[in-house]
Amino acid sequence: MSKIRDETIKGRQAELKHNQELIQLRKEQRIKDSQIRSLEADKRQKEVILRRKQEEVSAHAQKAFISHHLL
C-alpha cells in the first residue's frame, strides 16, 4: 500500500512541477510579447517622425528650387 501511495505522491509532485514550469514559461512569453509590442510601437513612431522629417526636407528643397529658378 505504501508503494502505491508513494507513486501517487510522486505523480502529483511531478504534475505540480510540470504545471509550475508551464506557468513560468507562459509568464516569460507574456513578458517577451510585451517587449516585442513595445519595440514595434517605438519603431512605428520613429517611422512616422522620419517620414515627417523627409517631407519637411522635400518641401524645403522644392521651395529652394523654385526660389532659385525664379531669381
C-alpha atoms as a PDB file:
ATOM      1  CA  MET A   1       0.000   0.000   0.000  1.00  0.00           C
ATOM      2  CA  SER A   2       2.762   2.423   0.839  1.00  0.00           C
ATOM      3  CA  LYS A   3       4.311   1.807  -2.588  1.00  0.00           C
ATOM      4  CA  ILE A   4       1.094   2.864  -4.296  1.00  0.00           C
ATOM      5  CA  ARG A   5       0.843   5.898  -2.044  1.00  0.00           C
ATOM      6  CA  ASP A   6       4.467   6.823  -2.773  1.00  0.00           C
ATOM      7  CA  GLU A   7       3.861   6.512  -6.505  1.00  0.00           C
ATOM      8  CA  THR A   8       0.734   8.642  -6.210  1.00  0.00           C
ATOM      9  CA  ILE A   9       2.645  11.312  -4.299  1.00  0.00           C
ATOM     10  CA  LYS A  10       5.477  11.233  -6.834  1.00  0.00           C
ATOM     11  CA  GLY A  11       2.964  11.538  -9.659  1.00  0.00           C
ATOM     12  CA  ARG A  12       1.319  14.544  -8.029  1.00  0.00           C
ATOM     13  CA  GLN A  13       4.691  16.155  -7.384  1.00  0.00           C
ATOM     14  CA  ALA A  14       5.732  15.612 -10.988  1.00  0.00           C
ATOM     15  CA  GLU A  15       2.441  17.090 -12.211  1.00  0.00           C
ATOM     16  CA  LEU A  16       2.822  20.063  -9.869  1.00  0.00           C
ATOM     17  CA  LYS A  17       6.384  20.658 -11.067  1.00  0.00           C
ATOM     18  CA  HIS A  18       5.253  20.428 -14.681  1.00  0.00           C
ATOM     19  CA  ASN A  19       2.420  22.904 -14.044  1.00  0.00           C
ATOM     20  CA  GLN A  20       4.809  25.330 -12.329  1.00  0.00           C
ATOM     21  CA  GLU A  21       7.185  25.117 -15.276  1.00  0.00           C
ATOM     22  CA  LEU A  22       4.299  25.848 -17.658  1.00  0.00           C
ATOM     23  CA  ILE A  23       3.266  28.851 -15.575  1.00  0.00           C
ATOM     24  CA  GLN A  24       6.839  30.162 -15.623  1.00  0.00           C
ATOM     25  CA  LEU A  25       7.172  29.655 -19.379  1.00  0.00           C
ATOM     26  CA  ARG A  26       3.866  31.429 -20.011  1.00  0.00           C
ATOM     27  CA  LYS A  27       4.956  34.314 -17.808  1.00  0.00           C
ATOM     28  CA  GLU A  28       8.239  34.626 -19.694  1.00  0.00           C
ATOM     29  CA  GLN A  29       6.365  34.504 -23.004  1.00  0.00           C
ATOM     30  CA  ARG A  30       3.996  37.286 -21.891  1.00  0.00           C
ATOM     31  CA  ILE A  31       6.989  39.439 -20.941  1.00  0.00           C
ATOM     32  CA  LYS A  32       8.657  38.784 -24.297  1.00  0.00           C
ATOM     33  CA  ASP A  33       5.419  39.515 -26.171  1.00  0.00           C
ATOM     34  CA  SER A  34       5.069  42.770 -24.255  1.00  0.00           C
ATOM     35  CA  GLN A  35       8.644  43.756 -25.112  1.00  0.00           C
ATOM     36  CA  ILE A  36       8.015  42.973 -28.777  1.00  0.00           C
ATOM     37  CA  ARG A  37       4.842  45.094 -28.829  1.00  0.00           C
ATOM     38  CA  SER A  38       6.714  47.944 -27.174  1.00  0.00           C
ATOM     39  CA  LEU A  39       9.593  47.765 -29.652  1.00  0.00           C
ATOM     40  CA  GLU A  40       7.164  47.613 -32.573  1.00  0.00           C
ATOM     41  CA  ALA A  41       5.333  50.694 -31.275  1.00  0.00           C
ATOM     42  CA  ASP A  42       8.648  52.546 -30.907  1.00  0.00           C
ATOM     43  CA  LYS A  43       9.586  51.574 -34.445  1.00  0.00           C
ATOM     44  CA  ARG A  44       6.258  52.799 -35.850  1.00  0.00           C
ATOM     45  CA  GLN A  45       6.632  56.090 -34.005  1.00  0.00           C
ATOM     46  CA  LYS A  46      10.177  56.573 -35.321  1.00  0.00           C
ATOM     47  CA  GLU A  47       8.994  55.786 -38.845  1.00  0.00           C
ATOM     48  CA  VAL A  48       6.285  58.449 -38.554  1.00  0.00           C
ATOM     49  CA  ILE A  49       8.827  61.007 -37.330  1.00  0.00           C
ATOM     50  CA  LEU A  50      11.257  60.079 -40.104  1.00  0.00           C
ATOM     51  CA  ARG A  51       8.517  60.375 -42.727  1.00  0.00           C
ATOM     52  CA  ARG A  52       7.590  63.853 -41.436  1.00  0.00           C
ATOM     53  CA  LYS A  53      11.227  64.959 -41.471  1.00  0.00           C
ATOM     54  CA  GLN A  54      11.637  63.658 -45.015  1.00  0.00           C
ATOM     55  CA  GLU A  55       8.505  65.550 -46.074  1.00  0.00           C
ATOM     56  CA  GLU A  56       9.877  68.724 -44.477  1.00  0.00           C
ATOM     57  CA  VAL A  57      13.212  68.310 -46.261  1.00  0.00           C
ATOM     58  CA  SER A  58      11.447  67.655 -49.554  1.00  0.00           C
ATOM     59  CA  ALA A  59       9.208  70.704 -49.125  1.00  0.00           C
ATOM     60  CA  HIS A  60      12.202  72.860 -48.233  1.00  0.00           C
ATOM     61  CA  ALA A  61      14.126  71.570 -51.255  1.00  0.00           C
ATOM     62  CA  GLN A  62      11.183  72.359 -53.527  1.00  0.00           C
ATOM     63  CA  LYS A  63      10.921  75.880 -52.139  1.00  0.00           C
ATOM     64  CA  ALA A  64      14.649  76.398 -52.598  1.00  0.00           C
ATOM     65  CA  PHE A  65      14.485  75.068 -56.161  1.00  0.00           C
ATOM     66  CA  ILE A  66      11.534  77.283 -57.053  1.00  0.00           C
ATOM     67  CA  SER A  67      13.007  80.392 -55.471  1.00  0.00           C
ATOM     68  CA  HIS A  68      16.357  79.735 -57.146  1.00  0.00           C
ATOM     69  CA  HIS A  69      14.777  79.392 -60.593  1.00  0.00           C
ATOM     70  CA  LEU A  70      12.543  82.446 -60.170  1.00  0.00           C
ATOM     71  CA  LEU A  71      15.507  84.697 -59.466  1.00  0.00           C
END
